[in-house]
Structure formats: C-alpha cells, structure tokens
Amino acid sequence: MRSIHVVTHPEASHHVEGVVGGWHDSVLTPDGLRDAAAIARALRAEIPGEAEVDLVSSDLLRTRRTAEEIGTLFGVEPAWDPRLREKSYGEAEGRPQEWLDKRFVPPPATGDRMGHDEGIEGAETRAVFASRIYAAMEEILSRPYEHQIIVTHGFALTFVVASWIGMPPESLGHVNLRAASGSITHLREDDFFHNRQLVRLGDTRHLAL
C-alpha cells in the first residue's frame, strides 16, 4: 500500500501582511511555527513508527520550515523540489493584494481557462502551473516508498490531488480543491486493485489540539 500525506504550509507572513504570496518568499508566523509542530505530531501519530518515510517539499521558506519541523520528528532530511511551489504571480508577488485585484483579468467561464493570461507580467498560466506539479508528482510516485509526505501550498494542492487520481491536465480548467493553511490531505493506493483514494481532504483537526 502506498500512503501519501500532503501538507499545506501553515500561516505565513504574507497572509497577515495582506500581500500576494506565490513565489514571494514569506516566512512562517509564530502561529505558523506552532501549527507546523502540530502537523509534525499529527503525522508522527498516524504513520507507523517503523516505516521508512520519504519527505519532499517546495523549496520556499514557509514550506521549508514546515518540512524541517516534520523531518526533525521523523529523523529524515527533506528533499527540496521547486516544482512544488505555489503558482507564480509574477510582478504581483510581495505587493499588496489590492494591487493584484485591480489588475487581475479573471478567466472566462468557458473556453481556454488553462492557457488564460491573467494580465500580470511574469505570472504563470494555470497550464504551466499544473504541468510542473504533474512533473513533480510523476517523479515522487516513481520513488519506492510506501509512506511519503509532500509539503506544498494551498493552490498547488489541487494539482497534486488531480495528478494522483489521474485527471488529464486539459480537464483541470474548472477544478479547485479548497484546503486551509496547515491542513493534511491523505492519499492512498491499495495493493490489490491499485485503486487510488482521496481518504481525506484538508483536515485541520490537529490544529485545535
């Protein structure tokens, strides 16, 4: 059986400062650091103690710090993969959210939503964003581990899960899986049928402990 726990990083400085995240290298807040420790404890309680665990993370500071907290508790070194980063918002990153809101061109209700240009210089299209997440997942799933932990970002989670269940990239134009910061999503594949399950999405019960 393969079991994958996908973590969305907890509260970071761009959340409380009201600026655009994306590739802006914000850091975890004190609350975020507390929640990262809670995430690590929750994972340690769920994954068998004797299991060999593969830990892969986005290389941005907020995900790195979350992964380091998890890695310390599991005694493993995280592998850094920039393909697991959040969507790039180009020149909007680090600017006030209002700056982006005034310039953002929303995608059409129908038509080419994946290749849509949002009107922000340097921003990734949905297609480019999904493509790199899918490439990262292909490599992660080629690794021979029964237990894996992926640390990524809120929007990126949609494409991690879509890749896991085999959705064709061209069908992702309207897909958006919402999960709170600091959440854990559990994916599992059984050994007999090799069916892939979304066991739970965006679980935050550990943050209340």
C-alpha atoms as a PDB file:
ATOM      1  CA  MET A   1       0.000   0.000   0.000  1.00  0.00           C
ATOM      2  CA  ARG A   2       1.181   3.496  -0.803  1.00  0.00           C
ATOM      3  CA  SER A   3       0.126   6.249   1.583  1.00  0.00           C
ATOM      4  CA  ILE A   4       0.812   9.916   0.895  1.00  0.00           C
ATOM      5  CA  HIS A   5       0.168  12.775   3.292  1.00  0.00           C
ATOM      6  CA  VAL A   6       0.059  16.181   1.615  1.00  0.00           C
ATOM      7  CA  VAL A   7       0.621  19.186   3.872  1.00  0.00           C
ATOM      8  CA  THR A   8      -0.295  22.764   3.034  1.00  0.00           C
ATOM      9  CA  HIS A   9       2.034  25.082   4.933  1.00  0.00           C
ATOM     10  CA  PRO A  10       0.511  26.913   7.909  1.00  0.00           C
ATOM     11  CA  GLU A  11       0.164  30.676   8.398  1.00  0.00           C
ATOM     12  CA  ALA A  12       2.935  32.714   6.770  1.00  0.00           C
ATOM     13  CA  SER A  13       3.837  36.393   6.893  1.00  0.00           C
ATOM     14  CA  HIS A  14       2.176  37.205   3.552  1.00  0.00           C
ATOM     15  CA  HIS A  15      -1.158  36.026   4.992  1.00  0.00           C
ATOM     16  CA  VAL A  16      -1.102  38.544   7.837  1.00  0.00           C
ATOM     17  CA  GLU A  17       0.553  41.344   5.839  1.00  0.00           C
ATOM     18  CA  GLY A  18      -2.080  41.188   3.095  1.00  0.00           C
ATOM     19  CA  VAL A  19       0.428  40.794   0.288  1.00  0.00           C
ATOM     20  CA  VAL A  20       0.480  38.380  -2.642  1.00  0.00           C
ATOM     21  CA  GLY A  21       2.230  35.090  -1.925  1.00  0.00           C
ATOM     22  CA  GLY A  22       3.096  32.965  -4.939  1.00  0.00           C
ATOM     23  CA  TRP A  23       6.887  32.771  -5.123  1.00  0.00           C
ATOM     24  CA  HIS A  24       7.283  35.690  -2.694  1.00  0.00           C
ATOM     25  CA  ASP A  25       9.474  34.085  -0.030  1.00  0.00           C
ATOM     26  CA  SER A  26       7.422  34.760   3.085  1.00  0.00           C
ATOM     27  CA  VAL A  27       8.185  33.052   6.397  1.00  0.00           C
ATOM     28  CA  LEU A  28       6.035  31.268   8.944  1.00  0.00           C
ATOM     29  CA  THR A  29       4.500  33.470  11.635  1.00  0.00           C
ATOM     30  CA  PRO A  30       4.723  32.466  15.324  1.00  0.00           C
ATOM     31  CA  ASP A  31       1.273  30.879  14.924  1.00  0.00           C
ATOM     32  CA  GLY A  32       2.517  29.151  11.795  1.00  0.00           C
ATOM     33  CA  LEU A  33       5.517  27.730  13.632  1.00  0.00           C
ATOM     34  CA  ARG A  34       3.223  26.411  16.357  1.00  0.00           C
ATOM     35  CA  ASP A  35       0.983  24.811  13.745  1.00  0.00           C
ATOM     36  CA  ALA A  36       3.975  23.275  11.935  1.00  0.00           C
ATOM     37  CA  ALA A  37       4.859  21.470  15.165  1.00  0.00           C
ATOM     38  CA  ALA A  38       1.242  20.286  15.465  1.00  0.00           C
ATOM     39  CA  ILE A  39       1.323  18.987  11.893  1.00  0.00           C
ATOM     40  CA  ALA A  40       4.510  17.046  12.615  1.00  0.00           C
ATOM     41  CA  ARG A  41       2.998  15.474  15.728  1.00  0.00           C
ATOM     42  CA  ALA A  42      -0.186  14.510  13.878  1.00  0.00           C
ATOM     43  CA  LEU A  43       1.779  12.822  11.104  1.00  0.00           C
ATOM     44  CA  ARG A  44       4.018  11.024  13.576  1.00  0.00           C
ATOM     45  CA  ALA A  45       0.939   9.662  15.368  1.00  0.00           C
ATOM     46  CA  GLU A  46      -0.574   8.390  12.109  1.00  0.00           C
ATOM     47  CA  ILE A  47       2.409   6.915  10.241  1.00  0.00           C
ATOM     48  CA  PRO A  48       3.831   3.667  11.679  1.00  0.00           C
ATOM     49  CA  GLY A  49       6.974   4.212  13.705  1.00  0.00           C
ATOM     50  CA  GLU A  50       8.942   1.566  11.804  1.00  0.00           C
ATOM     51  CA  ALA A  51       8.035   2.959   8.364  1.00  0.00           C
ATOM     52  CA  GLU A  52      10.664   4.429   6.079  1.00  0.00           C
ATOM     53  CA  VAL A  53       9.330   7.852   5.128  1.00  0.00           C
ATOM     54  CA  ASP A  54      10.079   9.940   2.049  1.00  0.00           C
ATOM     55  CA  LEU A  55       9.700  13.688   2.678  1.00  0.00           C
ATOM     56  CA  VAL A  56       9.544  16.081  -0.286  1.00  0.00           C
ATOM     57  CA  SER A  57       8.834  19.810  -0.077  1.00  0.00           C
ATOM     58  CA  SER A  58       8.577  23.004  -2.029  1.00  0.00           C
ATOM     59  CA  ASP A  59      11.803  24.968  -1.582  1.00  0.00           C
ATOM     60  CA  LEU A  60      10.212  28.254  -0.456  1.00  0.00           C
ATOM     61  CA  LEU A  61      10.972  29.353   3.099  1.00  0.00           C
ATOM     62  CA  ARG A  62       7.491  28.774   4.505  1.00  0.00           C
ATOM     63  CA  THR A  63       7.327  25.202   3.207  1.00  0.00           C
ATOM     64  CA  ARG A  64      10.982  24.510   4.031  1.00  0.00           C
ATOM     65  CA  ARG A  65      10.408  25.447   7.664  1.00  0.00           C
ATOM     66  CA  THR A  66       7.300  23.256   7.818  1.00  0.00           C
ATOM     67  CA  ALA A  67       9.166  20.323   6.277  1.00  0.00           C
ATOM     68  CA  GLU A  68      12.111  20.794   8.640  1.00  0.00           C
ATOM     69  CA  GLU A  69       9.758  20.517  11.609  1.00  0.00           C
ATOM     70  CA  ILE A  70       8.361  17.278  10.202  1.00  0.00           C
ATOM     71  CA  GLY A  71      11.790  15.955   9.257  1.00  0.00           C
ATOM     72  CA  THR A  72      13.146  16.512  12.747  1.00  0.00           C
ATOM     73  CA  LEU A  73      10.386  14.429  14.309  1.00  0.00           C
ATOM     74  CA  PHE A  74      10.804  11.636  11.734  1.00  0.00           C
ATOM     75  CA  GLY A  75      14.586  11.751  11.628  1.00  0.00           C
ATOM     76  CA  VAL A  76      14.687  12.311   7.848  1.00  0.00           C
ATOM     77  CA  GLU A  77      16.124  15.029   5.637  1.00  0.00           C
ATOM     78  CA  PRO A  78      13.596  16.707   3.327  1.00  0.00           C
ATOM     79  CA  ALA A  79      14.210  16.769  -0.415  1.00  0.00           C
ATOM     80  CA  TRP A  80      13.569  20.208  -1.950  1.00  0.00           C
ATOM     81  CA  ASP A  81      11.646  20.424  -5.218  1.00  0.00           C
ATOM     82  CA  PRO A  82      10.915  23.893  -6.662  1.00  0.00           C
ATOM     83  CA  ARG A  83       8.244  22.365  -8.898  1.00  0.00           C
ATOM     84  CA  LEU A  84       6.055  22.063  -5.780  1.00  0.00           C
ATOM     85  CA  ARG A  85       5.986  25.848  -5.345  1.00  0.00           C
ATOM     86  CA  GLU A  86       2.769  27.837  -5.344  1.00  0.00           C
ATOM     87  CA  LYS A  87       1.583  29.423  -8.569  1.00  0.00           C
ATOM     88  CA  SER A  88       3.781  32.316  -9.632  1.00  0.00           C
ATOM     89  CA  TYR A  89       2.018  35.682  -9.772  1.00  0.00           C
ATOM     90  CA  GLY A  90       4.926  37.400 -11.476  1.00  0.00           C
ATOM     91  CA  GLU A  91       5.324  41.108 -10.750  1.00  0.00           C
ATOM     92  CA  ALA A  92       2.424  40.998  -8.257  1.00  0.00           C
ATOM     93  CA  GLU A  93       4.326  38.883  -5.756  1.00  0.00           C
ATOM     94  CA  GLY A  94       5.039  40.679  -2.486  1.00  0.00           C
ATOM     95  CA  ARG A  95       2.770  43.572  -3.476  1.00  0.00           C
ATOM     96  CA  PRO A  96      -0.471  44.400  -1.638  1.00  0.00           C
ATOM     97  CA  GLN A  97      -3.338  42.094  -2.595  1.00  0.00           C
ATOM     98  CA  GLU A  98      -5.300  45.177  -3.710  1.00  0.00           C
ATOM     99  CA  TRP A  99      -2.634  45.847  -6.367  1.00  0.00           C
ATOM    100  CA  LEU A 100      -3.244  42.435  -7.894  1.00  0.00           C
ATOM    101  CA  ASP A 101      -7.020  42.651  -7.565  1.00  0.00           C
ATOM    102  CA  LYS A 102      -7.119  45.873  -9.608  1.00  0.00           C
ATOM    103  CA  ARG A 103      -5.129  44.363 -12.476  1.00  0.00           C
ATOM    104  CA  PHE A 104      -6.213  40.736 -12.467  1.00  0.00           C
ATOM    105  CA  VAL A 105      -8.092  39.536 -15.542  1.00  0.00           C
ATOM    106  CA  PRO A 106     -10.364  36.656 -14.448  1.00  0.00           C
ATOM    107  CA  PRO A 107     -10.597  33.565 -16.666  1.00  0.00           C
ATOM    108  CA  PRO A 108     -13.614  33.119 -18.931  1.00  0.00           C
ATOM    109  CA  ALA A 109     -16.489  30.909 -17.804  1.00  0.00           C
ATOM    110  CA  THR A 110     -15.877  28.705 -20.843  1.00  0.00           C
ATOM    111  CA  GLY A 111     -13.089  28.304 -23.359  1.00  0.00           C
ATOM    112  CA  ASP A 112      -9.360  28.112 -22.720  1.00  0.00           C
ATOM    113  CA  ARG A 113      -9.138  28.566 -18.969  1.00  0.00           C
ATOM    114  CA  MET A 114      -5.848  26.652 -18.696  1.00  0.00           C
ATOM    115  CA  GLY A 115      -3.959  28.943 -21.057  1.00  0.00           C
ATOM    116  CA  HIS A 116      -5.668  32.146 -19.913  1.00  0.00           C
ATOM    117  CA  ASP A 117      -3.437  35.225 -19.495  1.00  0.00           C
ATOM    118  CA  GLU A 118      -4.343  36.929 -16.202  1.00  0.00           C
ATOM    119  CA  GLY A 119      -2.834  40.229 -17.278  1.00  0.00           C
ATOM    120  CA  ILE A 120       0.062  40.162 -14.786  1.00  0.00           C
ATOM    121  CA  GLU A 121       3.586  40.323 -16.189  1.00  0.00           C
ATOM    122  CA  GLY A 122       5.509  37.141 -15.436  1.00  0.00           C
ATOM    123  CA  ALA A 123       2.575  35.233 -13.922  1.00  0.00           C
ATOM    124  CA  GLU A 124       2.194  31.550 -14.730  1.00  0.00           C
ATOM    125  CA  THR A 125      -0.821  30.326 -16.606  1.00  0.00           C
ATOM    126  CA  ARG A 126      -2.849  27.565 -15.000  1.00  0.00           C
ATOM    127  CA  ALA A 127      -1.489  25.184 -17.662  1.00  0.00           C
ATOM    128  CA  VAL A 128       2.158  25.925 -16.836  1.00  0.00           C
ATOM    129  CA  PHE A 129       1.462  25.676 -13.105  1.00  0.00           C
ATOM    130  CA  ALA A 130      -0.297  22.314 -13.452  1.00  0.00           C
ATOM    131  CA  SER A 131       2.393  20.961 -15.765  1.00  0.00           C
ATOM    132  CA  ARG A 132       5.216  21.422 -13.264  1.00  0.00           C
ATOM    133  CA  ILE A 133       3.177  19.967 -10.376  1.00  0.00           C
ATOM    134  CA  TYR A 134       2.342  16.932 -12.529  1.00  0.00           C
ATOM    135  CA  ALA A 135       6.040  16.526 -13.397  1.00  0.00           C
ATOM    136  CA  ALA A 136       6.976  16.669  -9.717  1.00  0.00           C
ATOM    137  CA  MET A 137       4.313  14.100  -8.839  1.00  0.00           C
ATOM    138  CA  GLU A 138       5.471  11.735 -11.572  1.00  0.00           C
ATOM    139  CA  GLU A 139       8.949  11.723 -10.034  1.00  0.00           C
ATOM    140  CA  ILE A 140       7.655  11.435  -6.461  1.00  0.00           C
ATOM    141  CA  LEU A 141       5.471   8.446  -7.380  1.00  0.00           C
ATOM    142  CA  SER A 142       8.427   6.728  -9.068  1.00  0.00           C
ATOM    143  CA  ARG A 143      10.203   6.567  -5.708  1.00  0.00           C
ATOM    144  CA  PRO A 144       9.866   3.176  -3.941  1.00  0.00           C
ATOM    145  CA  TYR A 145       8.282   4.274  -0.664  1.00  0.00           C
ATOM    146  CA  GLU A 146       5.069   3.121   0.988  1.00  0.00           C
ATOM    147  CA  HIS A 147       4.857   6.286   3.083  1.00  0.00           C
ATOM    148  CA  GLN A 148       5.500   9.722   1.636  1.00  0.00           C
ATOM    149  CA  ILE A 149       4.927  13.257   2.876  1.00  0.00           C
ATOM    150  CA  ILE A 150       4.616  16.190   0.483  1.00  0.00           C
ATOM    151  CA  VAL A 151       4.769  19.760   1.789  1.00  0.00           C
ATOM    152  CA  THR A 152       3.329  22.303  -0.609  1.00  0.00           C
ATOM    153  CA  HIS A 153       0.890  25.233  -0.919  1.00  0.00           C
ATOM    154  CA  GLY A 154      -2.867  25.755  -0.947  1.00  0.00           C
ATOM    155  CA  PHE A 155      -3.461  26.223  -4.677  1.00  0.00           C
ATOM    156  CA  ALA A 156      -0.811  23.634  -5.596  1.00  0.00           C
ATOM    157  CA  LEU A 157      -2.755  21.024  -3.619  1.00  0.00           C
ATOM    158  CA  THR A 158      -5.431  20.946  -6.323  1.00  0.00           C
ATOM    159  CA  PHE A 159      -2.966  19.688  -8.909  1.00  0.00           C
ATOM    160  CA  VAL A 160      -1.214  17.289  -6.530  1.00  0.00           C
ATOM    161  CA  VAL A 161      -4.548  15.538  -5.916  1.00  0.00           C
ATOM    162  CA  ALA A 162      -5.606  15.754  -9.574  1.00  0.00           C
ATOM    163  CA  SER A 163      -2.339  14.134 -10.622  1.00  0.00           C
ATOM    164  CA  TRP A 164      -2.796  11.387  -8.020  1.00  0.00           C
ATOM    165  CA  ILE A 165      -6.231  10.397  -9.319  1.00  0.00           C
ATOM    166  CA  GLY A 166      -5.132  10.614 -12.950  1.00  0.00           C
ATOM    167  CA  MET A 167      -7.108  13.589 -14.198  1.00  0.00           C
ATOM    168  CA  PRO A 168      -5.887  14.683 -17.646  1.00  0.00           C
ATOM    169  CA  PRO A 169      -4.310  18.156 -17.381  1.00  0.00           C
ATOM    170  CA  GLU A 170      -6.617  19.524 -20.072  1.00  0.00           C
ATOM    171  CA  SER A 171      -9.633  18.744 -17.855  1.00  0.00           C
ATOM    172  CA  LEU A 172      -8.456  20.907 -14.952  1.00  0.00           C
ATOM    173  CA  GLY A 173      -9.834  24.232 -16.108  1.00  0.00           C
ATOM    174  CA  HIS A 174     -12.610  24.357 -13.507  1.00  0.00           C
ATOM    175  CA  VAL A 175     -11.084  22.233 -10.732  1.00  0.00           C
ATOM    176  CA  ASN A 176     -10.352  23.905  -7.394  1.00  0.00           C
ATOM    177  CA  LEU A 177      -9.942  21.884  -4.200  1.00  0.00           C
ATOM    178  CA  ARG A 178     -10.061  24.195  -1.203  1.00  0.00           C
ATOM    179  CA  ALA A 179      -7.932  23.437   1.850  1.00  0.00           C
ATOM    180  CA  ALA A 180      -6.976  25.644   4.777  1.00  0.00           C
ATOM    181  CA  SER A 181      -3.423  26.570   5.665  1.00  0.00           C
ATOM    182  CA  GLY A 182      -1.797  23.923   7.841  1.00  0.00           C
ATOM    183  CA  SER A 183      -4.058  21.148   6.558  1.00  0.00           C
ATOM    184  CA  ILE A 184      -3.277  17.491   5.913  1.00  0.00           C
ATOM    185  CA  THR A 185      -4.691  15.627   2.913  1.00  0.00           C
ATOM    186  CA  HIS A 186      -4.376  11.833   2.855  1.00  0.00           C
ATOM    187  CA  LEU A 187      -3.999   9.872  -0.391  1.00  0.00           C
ATOM    188  CA  ARG A 188      -3.840   6.082  -0.524  1.00  0.00           C
ATOM    189  CA  GLU A 189      -3.432   3.299  -3.098  1.00  0.00           C
ATOM    190  CA  ASP A 190      -4.337  -0.292  -2.221  1.00  0.00           C
ATOM    191  CA  ASP A 191      -2.126  -3.257  -3.127  1.00  0.00           C
ATOM    192  CA  PHE A 192      -4.837  -5.457  -4.627  1.00  0.00           C
ATOM    193  CA  PHE A 193      -6.882  -3.314  -7.013  1.00  0.00           C
ATOM    194  CA  HIS A 194      -4.354  -0.454  -7.124  1.00  0.00           C
ATOM    195  CA  ASN A 195      -7.239   1.954  -6.776  1.00  0.00           C
ATOM    196  CA  ARG A 196      -6.243   5.427  -5.676  1.00  0.00           C
ATOM    197  CA  GLN A 197      -8.287   7.076  -2.964  1.00  0.00           C
ATOM    198  CA  LEU A 198      -8.670  10.564  -1.609  1.00  0.00           C
ATOM    199  CA  VAL A 199      -9.068   9.445   2.005  1.00  0.00           C
ATOM    200  CA  ARG A 200      -9.490  12.924   3.435  1.00  0.00           C
ATOM    201  CA  LEU A 201      -9.069  16.447   2.125  1.00  0.00           C
ATOM    202  CA  GLY A 202      -7.771  19.463   4.023  1.00  0.00           C
ATOM    203  CA  ASP A 203      -8.026  18.024   7.540  1.00  0.00           C
ATOM    204  CA  THR A 204      -7.237  20.627  10.230  1.00  0.00           C
ATOM    205  CA  ARG A 205      -8.367  18.799  13.385  1.00  0.00           C
ATOM    206  CA  HIS A 206      -4.762  18.611  14.586  1.00  0.00           C
ATOM    207  CA  LEU A 207      -4.576  22.421  14.776  1.00  0.00           C
ATOM    208  CA  ALA A 208      -7.159  22.520  17.560  1.00  0.00           C
ATOM    209  CA  LEU A 209      -5.080  20.308  19.879  1.00  0.00           C
END
